[in-house]
Amino acid sequence: MADVWMTWCRRKAKCHWCEEPITSQTPMVKVKIWRGKAMWRYTMYLHPFCWTEQGMAALDREGPFRGRLPLSSSQKANRFRLIRNWHNCKGRLYEAAVSGDVDEVIKLLANMEGIKQEIADYGGVPKKWLAREADQDS
């Protein structure tokens, strides 16, 4: 979690984005990253224009905005069914891997691959499925 707000710089600070100094008595963006209940991890200070610049860089990394898929109601229902089946297989895959059932693991991986090919007709494979594959490969 993070808290973000704009405030006046009370003392000289270093910008997290451009690493230039933020002089006192000028506006700055303060970002507190934390985890747990009231357990602060670290604080970042940024120039207001650097905050905007780093946000635009993050959007560029994500790619263009896709919006809603132009699907009919029956196509949406089929896409949702395929996504639900993929996640069901994923959960069963974990259980089979823990129990050591190699045949079940192979069958579930084949089912998940078939679902990926089938969902291509309904707007393509979700990005998260591709990202998870890349994480598992490395």
N, C-alpha and C. Protein backbone atom coordinates (compact mmCIF):
# COMPACT_ATOMS: atom_id res chain seq x y z
N MET A 1 0.84 -1.17 0.00
CA MET A 1 0.00 0.00 0.00
C MET A 1 0.88 1.24 0.00
N ALA A 2 0.30 2.32 -0.48
CA ALA A 2 1.06 3.56 -0.52
C ALA A 2 0.13 4.73 -0.23
N ASP A 3 0.66 5.71 0.44
CA ASP A 3 -0.02 6.99 0.65
C ASP A 3 0.74 8.02 -0.17
N VAL A 4 0.01 8.81 -0.95
CA VAL A 4 0.63 9.80 -1.82
C VAL A 4 -0.05 11.14 -1.57
N TRP A 5 0.75 12.18 -1.37
CA TRP A 5 0.18 13.51 -1.23
C TRP A 5 1.20 14.55 -1.64
N MET A 6 0.70 15.75 -1.94
CA MET A 6 1.56 16.86 -2.29
C MET A 6 1.67 17.77 -1.08
N THR A 7 2.88 18.25 -0.85
CA THR A 7 3.13 19.10 0.30
C THR A 7 4.27 20.06 -0.03
N TRP A 8 4.55 20.97 0.90
CA TRP A 8 5.69 21.87 0.75
C TRP A 8 6.93 21.19 1.32
N CYS A 9 8.03 21.31 0.62
CA CYS A 9 9.28 20.74 1.08
C CYS A 9 9.80 21.60 2.24
N ARG A 10 10.03 21.01 3.39
CA ARG A 10 10.48 21.74 4.57
C ARG A 10 12.01 21.79 4.66
N ARG A 11 12.65 20.79 4.07
CA ARG A 11 14.11 20.76 4.05
C ARG A 11 14.53 20.14 2.73
N LYS A 12 15.78 20.29 2.38
CA LYS A 12 16.28 19.78 1.12
C LYS A 12 16.10 18.26 1.07
N ALA A 13 15.62 17.75 -0.07
CA ALA A 13 15.43 16.31 -0.25
C ALA A 13 15.90 15.93 -1.65
N LYS A 14 16.08 14.64 -1.88
CA LYS A 14 16.54 14.15 -3.17
C LYS A 14 15.36 13.50 -3.90
N CYS A 15 15.13 13.89 -5.15
CA CYS A 15 14.04 13.33 -5.94
C CYS A 15 14.34 11.87 -6.27
N HIS A 16 13.37 11.01 -6.04
CA HIS A 16 13.53 9.59 -6.28
C HIS A 16 13.63 9.29 -7.79
N TRP A 17 13.04 10.12 -8.63
CA TRP A 17 12.99 9.87 -10.07
C TRP A 17 14.22 10.43 -10.79
N CYS A 18 14.46 11.73 -10.66
CA CYS A 18 15.56 12.36 -11.40
C CYS A 18 16.84 12.51 -10.57
N GLU A 19 16.75 12.26 -9.28
CA GLU A 19 17.87 12.34 -8.34
C GLU A 19 18.45 13.74 -8.21
N GLU A 20 17.71 14.75 -8.65
CA GLU A 20 18.10 16.14 -8.43
C GLU A 20 17.56 16.59 -7.08
N PRO A 21 18.16 17.58 -6.46
CA PRO A 21 17.65 18.03 -5.15
C PRO A 21 16.31 18.75 -5.28
N ILE A 22 15.48 18.57 -4.28
CA ILE A 22 14.24 19.32 -4.15
C ILE A 22 14.53 20.37 -3.09
N THR A 23 14.49 21.62 -3.47
CA THR A 23 14.85 22.69 -2.54
C THR A 23 13.72 22.94 -1.55
N SER A 24 14.07 23.49 -0.42
CA SER A 24 13.04 23.78 0.59
C SER A 24 12.13 24.89 0.09
N GLN A 25 10.93 24.90 0.62
CA GLN A 25 9.90 25.88 0.31
C GLN A 25 9.38 25.78 -1.14
N THR A 26 9.51 24.58 -1.74
CA THR A 26 8.94 24.33 -3.06
C THR A 26 7.99 23.14 -2.94
N PRO A 27 7.03 23.01 -3.86
CA PRO A 27 6.11 21.87 -3.78
C PRO A 27 6.81 20.56 -4.10
N MET A 28 6.37 19.50 -3.47
CA MET A 28 6.90 18.17 -3.75
C MET A 28 5.80 17.13 -3.52
N VAL A 29 6.00 15.96 -4.09
CA VAL A 29 5.09 14.84 -3.88
C VAL A 29 5.78 13.89 -2.91
N LYS A 30 5.06 13.49 -1.89
CA LYS A 30 5.60 12.59 -0.87
C LYS A 30 4.85 11.25 -0.99
N VAL A 31 5.60 10.17 -1.06
CA VAL A 31 5.02 8.84 -1.19
C VAL A 31 5.53 7.99 -0.05
N LYS A 32 4.60 7.46 0.76
CA LYS A 32 4.99 6.54 1.83
C LYS A 32 4.51 5.15 1.45
N ILE A 33 5.45 4.25 1.31
CA ILE A 33 5.14 2.86 1.00
C ILE A 33 5.16 2.10 2.33
N TRP A 34 4.11 1.34 2.57
CA TRP A 34 4.05 0.62 3.84
C TRP A 34 3.46 -0.75 3.64
N ARG A 35 3.67 -1.59 4.64
CA ARG A 35 3.06 -2.92 4.66
C ARG A 35 2.63 -3.18 6.10
N GLY A 36 1.63 -3.95 6.24
CA GLY A 36 1.12 -4.22 7.57
C GLY A 36 0.39 -3.02 8.14
N LYS A 37 0.02 -3.10 9.38
CA LYS A 37 -0.70 -2.01 10.02
C LYS A 37 0.27 -1.00 10.57
N ALA A 38 0.28 0.18 9.96
CA ALA A 38 1.10 1.32 10.39
C ALA A 38 2.59 0.99 10.48
N MET A 39 3.04 0.08 9.65
CA MET A 39 4.46 -0.26 9.63
C MET A 39 5.06 0.33 8.36
N TRP A 40 5.68 1.48 8.45
CA TRP A 40 6.22 2.16 7.29
C TRP A 40 7.45 1.45 6.79
N ARG A 41 7.56 1.33 5.51
CA ARG A 41 8.71 0.69 4.90
C ARG A 41 9.71 1.75 4.45
N TYR A 42 9.29 2.69 3.59
CA TYR A 42 10.18 3.78 3.20
C TYR A 42 9.36 4.93 2.61
N THR A 43 10.01 6.09 2.48
CA THR A 43 9.38 7.30 1.96
C THR A 43 10.15 7.77 0.74
N MET A 44 9.42 8.18 -0.29
CA MET A 44 10.03 8.74 -1.50
C MET A 44 9.58 10.19 -1.64
N TYR A 45 10.46 11.01 -2.15
CA TYR A 45 10.16 12.41 -2.43
C TYR A 45 10.36 12.63 -3.92
N LEU A 46 9.43 13.34 -4.57
CA LEU A 46 9.53 13.60 -6.00
C LEU A 46 9.12 15.03 -6.32
N HIS A 47 9.72 15.59 -7.38
CA HIS A 47 9.20 16.83 -7.92
C HIS A 47 7.81 16.54 -8.51
N PRO A 48 6.89 17.49 -8.50
CA PRO A 48 5.57 17.22 -9.09
C PRO A 48 5.64 16.77 -10.55
N PHE A 49 6.52 17.40 -11.36
CA PHE A 49 6.63 16.99 -12.76
C PHE A 49 7.28 15.62 -12.89
N CYS A 50 8.16 15.25 -11.97
CA CYS A 50 8.77 13.92 -11.99
C CYS A 50 7.73 12.84 -11.65
N TRP A 51 6.82 13.19 -10.74
CA TRP A 51 5.75 12.26 -10.38
C TRP A 51 4.90 11.95 -11.61
N THR A 52 4.57 12.99 -12.37
CA THR A 52 3.79 12.81 -13.59
C THR A 52 4.58 12.02 -14.63
N GLU A 53 5.85 12.35 -14.75
CA GLU A 53 6.70 11.66 -15.73
C GLU A 53 6.83 10.18 -15.41
N GLN A 54 7.04 9.83 -14.14
CA GLN A 54 7.17 8.41 -13.81
C GLN A 54 5.85 7.68 -13.97
N GLY A 55 4.73 8.37 -13.74
CA GLY A 55 3.43 7.75 -13.98
C GLY A 55 3.20 7.47 -15.45
N MET A 56 3.58 8.41 -16.31
CA MET A 56 3.45 8.20 -17.76
C MET A 56 4.38 7.08 -18.23
N ALA A 57 5.57 6.97 -17.65
CA ALA A 57 6.49 5.88 -17.99
C ALA A 57 5.88 4.53 -17.61
N ALA A 58 5.20 4.47 -16.46
CA ALA A 58 4.54 3.23 -16.04
C ALA A 58 3.42 2.87 -17.01
N LEU A 59 2.65 3.86 -17.47
CA LEU A 59 1.59 3.60 -18.44
C LEU A 59 2.17 3.12 -19.77
N ASP A 60 3.29 3.68 -20.18
CA ASP A 60 3.94 3.23 -21.41
C ASP A 60 4.39 1.78 -21.31
N ARG A 61 4.87 1.38 -20.13
CA ARG A 61 5.29 -0.02 -19.94
C ARG A 61 4.10 -0.97 -20.03
N GLU A 62 2.93 -0.53 -19.55
CA GLU A 62 1.74 -1.38 -19.57
C GLU A 62 1.19 -1.58 -20.98
N GLY A 63 1.40 -0.62 -21.86
CA GLY A 63 0.86 -0.70 -23.20
C GLY A 63 -0.41 0.12 -23.33
N PRO A 64 -1.00 0.12 -24.52
CA PRO A 64 -2.17 0.97 -24.76
C PRO A 64 -3.40 0.49 -23.99
N PHE A 65 -4.31 1.42 -23.75
CA PHE A 65 -5.56 1.10 -23.07
C PHE A 65 -6.43 0.27 -23.99
N ARG A 66 -6.92 -0.87 -23.51
CA ARG A 66 -7.73 -1.75 -24.34
C ARG A 66 -9.21 -1.49 -24.22
N GLY A 67 -9.67 -1.12 -23.05
CA GLY A 67 -11.10 -0.94 -22.87
C GLY A 67 -11.83 -2.27 -22.84
N ARG A 68 -13.13 -2.21 -22.97
CA ARG A 68 -13.93 -3.43 -22.96
C ARG A 68 -13.84 -4.15 -24.30
N LEU A 69 -13.90 -5.46 -24.23
CA LEU A 69 -13.87 -6.24 -25.46
C LEU A 69 -15.23 -6.16 -26.14
N PRO A 70 -15.25 -6.02 -27.46
CA PRO A 70 -16.53 -5.95 -28.18
C PRO A 70 -17.12 -7.35 -28.39
N LEU A 71 -17.68 -7.91 -27.33
CA LEU A 71 -18.24 -9.25 -27.38
C LEU A 71 -19.75 -9.22 -27.12
N SER A 72 -20.45 -10.16 -27.75
CA SER A 72 -21.88 -10.29 -27.46
C SER A 72 -22.04 -10.95 -26.09
N SER A 73 -23.28 -10.99 -25.61
CA SER A 73 -23.50 -11.56 -24.28
C SER A 73 -23.17 -13.05 -24.25
N SER A 74 -23.44 -13.78 -25.33
CA SER A 74 -23.10 -15.21 -25.34
C SER A 74 -21.58 -15.41 -25.40
N GLN A 75 -20.88 -14.53 -26.14
CA GLN A 75 -19.42 -14.62 -26.18
C GLN A 75 -18.81 -14.29 -24.83
N LYS A 76 -19.37 -13.30 -24.13
CA LYS A 76 -18.89 -12.96 -22.78
C LYS A 76 -19.07 -14.14 -21.84
N ALA A 77 -20.24 -14.81 -21.95
CA ALA A 77 -20.51 -15.96 -21.09
C ALA A 77 -19.51 -17.08 -21.37
N ASN A 78 -19.21 -17.32 -22.66
CA ASN A 78 -18.24 -18.36 -23.01
C ASN A 78 -16.84 -18.00 -22.51
N ARG A 79 -16.45 -16.73 -22.65
CA ARG A 79 -15.14 -16.29 -22.16
C ARG A 79 -15.05 -16.47 -20.65
N PHE A 80 -16.11 -16.08 -19.94
CA PHE A 80 -16.11 -16.24 -18.49
C PHE A 80 -16.02 -17.71 -18.10
N ARG A 81 -16.72 -18.58 -18.84
CA ARG A 81 -16.66 -20.02 -18.57
C ARG A 81 -15.24 -20.54 -18.76
N LEU A 82 -14.58 -20.11 -19.83
CA LEU A 82 -13.21 -20.56 -20.08
C LEU A 82 -12.24 -20.07 -19.00
N ILE A 83 -12.40 -18.83 -18.60
CA ILE A 83 -11.54 -18.28 -17.54
C ILE A 83 -11.77 -19.04 -16.23
N ARG A 84 -13.03 -19.31 -15.93
CA ARG A 84 -13.36 -20.06 -14.71
C ARG A 84 -12.75 -21.47 -14.78
N ASN A 85 -12.84 -22.12 -15.94
CA ASN A 85 -12.27 -23.47 -16.09
C ASN A 85 -10.75 -23.44 -15.96
N TRP A 86 -10.11 -22.41 -16.51
CA TRP A 86 -8.65 -22.30 -16.42
C TRP A 86 -8.22 -22.19 -14.96
N HIS A 87 -8.92 -21.35 -14.18
CA HIS A 87 -8.57 -21.18 -12.77
C HIS A 87 -8.88 -22.44 -11.96
N ASN A 88 -9.91 -23.15 -12.34
CA ASN A 88 -10.23 -24.42 -11.68
C ASN A 88 -9.09 -25.41 -11.93
N CYS A 89 -8.63 -25.50 -13.18
CA CYS A 89 -7.50 -26.38 -13.50
C CYS A 89 -6.24 -25.96 -12.75
N LYS A 90 -6.03 -24.66 -12.64
CA LYS A 90 -4.84 -24.16 -11.94
C LYS A 90 -4.86 -24.59 -10.47
N GLY A 91 -6.01 -24.49 -9.82
CA GLY A 91 -6.11 -24.92 -8.44
C GLY A 91 -5.90 -26.42 -8.28
N ARG A 92 -6.49 -27.19 -9.19
CA ARG A 92 -6.30 -28.64 -9.15
C ARG A 92 -4.86 -29.03 -9.48
N LEU A 93 -4.20 -28.22 -10.33
CA LEU A 93 -2.80 -28.47 -10.68
C LEU A 93 -1.92 -28.36 -9.44
N TYR A 94 -2.16 -27.35 -8.62
CA TYR A 94 -1.38 -27.19 -7.40
C TYR A 94 -1.57 -28.41 -6.49
N GLU A 95 -2.82 -28.83 -6.31
CA GLU A 95 -3.09 -29.99 -5.45
C GLU A 95 -2.42 -31.24 -5.99
N ALA A 96 -2.46 -31.44 -7.33
CA ALA A 96 -1.84 -32.62 -7.92
C ALA A 96 -0.32 -32.56 -7.78
N ALA A 97 0.26 -31.38 -7.92
CA ALA A 97 1.71 -31.25 -7.78
C ALA A 97 2.16 -31.54 -6.36
N VAL A 98 1.38 -31.07 -5.38
CA VAL A 98 1.72 -31.33 -3.97
C VAL A 98 1.62 -32.82 -3.66
N SER A 99 0.59 -33.47 -4.20
CA SER A 99 0.41 -34.90 -3.93
C SER A 99 1.36 -35.77 -4.75
N GLY A 100 1.99 -35.20 -5.80
CA GLY A 100 2.94 -35.96 -6.61
C GLY A 100 2.30 -36.78 -7.71
N ASP A 101 1.07 -36.47 -8.09
CA ASP A 101 0.35 -37.20 -9.13
C ASP A 101 0.76 -36.64 -10.50
N VAL A 102 1.79 -37.24 -11.10
CA VAL A 102 2.37 -36.75 -12.35
C VAL A 102 1.37 -36.83 -13.50
N ASP A 103 0.63 -37.93 -13.59
CA ASP A 103 -0.34 -38.08 -14.67
C ASP A 103 -1.40 -36.99 -14.63
N GLU A 104 -1.87 -36.67 -13.43
CA GLU A 104 -2.88 -35.61 -13.28
C GLU A 104 -2.30 -34.25 -13.65
N VAL A 105 -1.05 -34.00 -13.29
CA VAL A 105 -0.39 -32.74 -13.64
C VAL A 105 -0.32 -32.59 -15.15
N ILE A 106 0.09 -33.64 -15.85
CA ILE A 106 0.19 -33.60 -17.31
C ILE A 106 -1.17 -33.37 -17.94
N LYS A 107 -2.20 -34.04 -17.43
CA LYS A 107 -3.55 -33.88 -17.97
C LYS A 107 -4.06 -32.45 -17.77
N LEU A 108 -3.82 -31.89 -16.58
CA LEU A 108 -4.28 -30.54 -16.29
C LEU A 108 -3.54 -29.50 -17.12
N LEU A 109 -2.23 -29.67 -17.31
CA LEU A 109 -1.48 -28.75 -18.15
C LEU A 109 -1.98 -28.78 -19.59
N ALA A 110 -2.32 -29.96 -20.08
CA ALA A 110 -2.87 -30.08 -21.43
C ALA A 110 -4.23 -29.39 -21.51
N ASN A 111 -5.07 -29.55 -20.48
CA ASN A 111 -6.37 -28.87 -20.45
C ASN A 111 -6.19 -27.35 -20.46
N MET A 112 -5.24 -26.85 -19.67
CA MET A 112 -5.01 -25.40 -19.60
C MET A 112 -4.52 -24.87 -20.94
N GLU A 113 -3.69 -25.64 -21.63
CA GLU A 113 -3.20 -25.22 -22.94
C GLU A 113 -4.35 -25.19 -23.96
N GLY A 114 -5.25 -26.17 -23.86
CA GLY A 114 -6.43 -26.18 -24.74
C GLY A 114 -7.34 -24.99 -24.48
N ILE A 115 -7.50 -24.62 -23.22
CA ILE A 115 -8.33 -23.47 -22.87
C ILE A 115 -7.71 -22.19 -23.43
N LYS A 116 -6.38 -22.08 -23.37
CA LYS A 116 -5.71 -20.91 -23.93
C LYS A 116 -5.97 -20.78 -25.42
N GLN A 117 -5.93 -21.89 -26.13
CA GLN A 117 -6.17 -21.85 -27.57
C GLN A 117 -7.63 -21.51 -27.86
N GLU A 118 -8.54 -22.02 -27.04
CA GLU A 118 -9.97 -21.78 -27.26
C GLU A 118 -10.36 -20.33 -26.94
N ILE A 119 -9.72 -19.73 -25.95
CA ILE A 119 -10.10 -18.37 -25.54
C ILE A 119 -9.61 -17.32 -26.55
N ALA A 120 -8.73 -17.71 -27.47
CA ALA A 120 -8.25 -16.79 -28.50
C ALA A 120 -9.41 -16.25 -29.34
N ASP A 121 -10.46 -17.04 -29.52
CA ASP A 121 -11.64 -16.60 -30.29
C ASP A 121 -12.48 -15.58 -29.53
N TYR A 122 -12.26 -15.45 -28.24
CA TYR A 122 -13.07 -14.56 -27.40
C TYR A 122 -12.25 -13.43 -26.80
N GLY A 123 -11.42 -12.80 -27.59
CA GLY A 123 -10.67 -11.64 -27.12
C GLY A 123 -9.24 -11.91 -26.75
N GLY A 124 -8.76 -13.11 -26.93
CA GLY A 124 -7.36 -13.42 -26.65
C GLY A 124 -7.10 -13.85 -25.22
N VAL A 125 -5.89 -14.31 -25.01
CA VAL A 125 -5.46 -14.80 -23.70
C VAL A 125 -5.25 -13.61 -22.77
N PRO A 126 -5.76 -13.65 -21.53
CA PRO A 126 -5.51 -12.56 -20.58
C PRO A 126 -4.01 -12.36 -20.34
N LYS A 127 -3.61 -11.09 -20.19
CA LYS A 127 -2.19 -10.75 -19.99
C LYS A 127 -1.61 -11.47 -18.77
N LYS A 128 -2.39 -11.60 -17.72
CA LYS A 128 -1.86 -12.20 -16.48
C LYS A 128 -1.45 -13.65 -16.71
N TRP A 129 -2.15 -14.36 -17.60
CA TRP A 129 -1.78 -15.74 -17.88
C TRP A 129 -0.40 -15.77 -18.53
N LEU A 130 -0.14 -14.85 -19.43
CA LEU A 130 1.16 -14.80 -20.11
C LEU A 130 2.26 -14.40 -19.17
N ALA A 131 1.99 -13.44 -18.27
CA ALA A 131 2.98 -12.98 -17.30
C ALA A 131 3.36 -14.11 -16.36
N ARG A 132 2.40 -14.90 -15.95
CA ARG A 132 2.68 -16.02 -15.04
C ARG A 132 3.55 -17.05 -15.72
N GLU A 133 3.33 -17.29 -17.03
CA GLU A 133 4.17 -18.25 -17.75
C GLU A 133 5.61 -17.76 -17.79
N ALA A 134 5.80 -16.47 -18.05
CA ALA A 134 7.15 -15.92 -18.10
C ALA A 134 7.84 -16.05 -16.76
N ASP A 135 7.09 -15.85 -15.66
CA ASP A 135 7.66 -15.99 -14.32
C ASP A 135 8.06 -17.42 -14.04
N GLN A 136 7.24 -18.38 -14.52
CA GLN A 136 7.52 -19.79 -14.26
C GLN A 136 8.70 -20.28 -15.08
N ASP A 137 8.89 -19.70 -16.30
CA ASP A 137 9.99 -20.12 -17.15
C ASP A 137 11.34 -19.71 -16.58
N SER A 138 11.40 -18.57 -15.91
CA SER A 138 12.69 -18.10 -15.39
C SER A 138 13.00 -18.63 -14.03
